[in-house]
Protein backbone atom coordinates (compact mmCIF):
# COMPACT_ATOMS: atom_id res chain seq x y z
CA MET A 1 137.54 134.22 -48.37
CA ALA A 2 140.27 135.59 -50.65
CA LYS A 3 143.82 134.49 -50.88
CA PHE A 4 146.22 137.43 -50.48
CA LYS A 5 149.89 137.65 -51.34
CA ILE A 6 150.33 140.38 -48.62
CA LYS A 7 150.86 139.02 -45.06
CA GLN A 8 151.08 140.62 -41.55
CA GLY A 9 154.60 142.15 -41.15
CA ASP A 10 155.10 142.95 -44.84
CA LEU A 11 156.27 146.25 -45.91
CA VAL A 12 153.74 147.85 -48.35
CA GLN A 13 153.45 151.11 -50.40
CA VAL A 14 150.10 152.84 -50.72
CA ILE A 15 149.37 153.26 -54.47
CA ALA A 16 145.99 155.11 -54.14
CA GLY A 17 144.29 157.40 -51.67
CA LYS A 18 145.21 160.25 -49.40
CA ASP A 19 148.52 158.38 -48.31
CA LYS A 20 149.69 157.56 -51.89
CA GLY A 21 153.45 156.88 -51.98
CA ARG A 22 153.97 156.42 -48.22
CA THR A 23 155.08 153.16 -46.92
CA GLY A 24 154.50 151.18 -43.74
CA LYS A 25 154.38 147.71 -42.04
CA VAL A 26 151.18 145.61 -42.26
CA LEU A 27 149.68 145.27 -38.77
CA ARG A 28 146.54 143.20 -39.50
CA VAL A 29 145.05 141.51 -42.53
CA LEU A 30 141.07 141.45 -42.52
CA ARG A 31 140.40 138.76 -45.00
CA ALA A 32 136.62 138.92 -44.75
CA ASP A 33 136.62 142.52 -45.75
CA ASN A 34 139.60 142.55 -48.43
CA ARG A 35 141.30 145.08 -46.19
CA ILE A 36 144.55 145.47 -44.37
CA VAL A 37 145.66 147.89 -41.54
CA VAL A 38 149.01 149.59 -42.09
CA GLU A 39 151.07 151.16 -39.23
CA GLY A 40 151.02 155.00 -39.30
CA LEU A 41 148.87 155.29 -42.42
CA ASN A 42 145.22 156.10 -43.12
CA LEU A 43 144.87 157.72 -39.68
CA VAL A 44 141.50 158.72 -38.56
CA LYS A 45 140.20 160.56 -35.29
CA ARG A 46 137.93 158.87 -32.89
CA HIS A 47 136.28 160.30 -29.92
CA GLN A 48 136.62 158.22 -26.70
CA LYS A 49 134.10 158.58 -23.92
CA PRO A 50 135.39 159.37 -20.45
CA THR A 51 135.92 156.54 -17.95
CA ALA A 52 136.64 156.50 -14.12
CA GLU A 53 140.42 156.16 -15.00
CA GLN A 54 140.82 158.74 -17.81
CA PRO A 55 138.91 161.80 -19.23
CA GLY A 56 137.35 161.91 -22.76
CA GLN A 57 139.74 162.38 -25.46
CA VAL A 58 140.14 162.34 -29.22
CA VAL A 59 142.40 159.36 -30.31
CA GLU A 60 144.07 158.95 -33.70
CA LYS A 61 144.19 155.34 -35.00
CA GLU A 62 144.84 153.44 -38.25
CA ALA A 63 141.86 152.67 -40.37
CA PRO A 64 141.72 149.67 -42.79
CA LEU A 65 142.86 150.23 -46.46
CA HIS A 66 141.46 148.04 -49.22
CA ILE A 67 144.02 145.50 -50.42
CA SER A 68 143.93 146.81 -53.96
CA ASN A 69 145.24 150.11 -52.84
CA VAL A 70 148.61 148.81 -51.70
CA ALA A 71 151.52 147.06 -53.28
CA LEU A 72 154.41 145.06 -51.68
CA TRP A 73 157.55 147.18 -51.24
CA ASN A 74 161.23 146.15 -51.51
CA ALA A 75 163.19 148.54 -49.35
CA ASP A 76 166.55 147.19 -50.67
CA GLU A 77 165.83 148.12 -54.23
CA SER A 78 163.27 150.84 -53.53
CA ARG A 79 160.63 149.47 -55.75
CA ARG A 80 157.18 147.92 -55.82
CA VAL A 81 157.21 144.02 -55.99
CA LYS A 82 154.67 141.70 -57.72
CA ALA A 83 154.58 138.46 -55.77
CA GLY A 84 154.44 134.98 -57.22
CA TYR A 85 154.79 131.56 -55.85
CA LYS A 86 157.49 128.99 -56.26
CA VAL A 87 158.06 125.57 -54.68
CA VAL A 88 161.61 125.24 -53.34
CA ASP A 89 162.58 122.08 -51.45
CA GLY A 90 158.94 121.10 -50.86
CA LYS A 91 158.09 124.48 -49.37
CA LYS A 92 155.85 127.04 -51.10
CA LEU A 93 157.58 130.44 -51.09
CA ARG A 94 156.60 133.88 -52.16
CA VAL A 95 159.04 135.29 -54.78
CA ASP A 96 159.62 138.47 -56.68
CA ARG A 97 158.29 137.81 -60.12
CA LYS A 98 160.86 140.18 -61.71
CA SER A 99 164.03 138.80 -60.15
CA GLY A 100 162.91 135.55 -58.72
CA ASN A 101 164.29 136.46 -55.08
CA PRO A 102 162.24 135.04 -52.21
CA ILE A 103 160.17 137.55 -50.38
CA ASP A 104 159.81 135.79 -47.22
CA ALA A 105 163.57 135.89 -46.53
CA GLN A 106 163.44 139.77 -46.30
């Protein structure tokens, strides 16, 4: 399994595909497939069969995006972030490689 610098709950920007330029929060990380699910992005329509409680319907839901098509987003500075690692007080933290500010504190 791959090691990702993007975690659940991070804010990311799509850098390729139909949602290029849009930002959203990471809902799930699918490590085995190298993909992530981003809230409100890469929406697809799926048909749902009728059940005893509800009729059949068409549901819109988020589909996974490949991890290489997204970048971490810093909302405070409105720019993409490249993540690196630094050990501070015995803890391994993700940091912005440009400014050195911790990402996990955001």
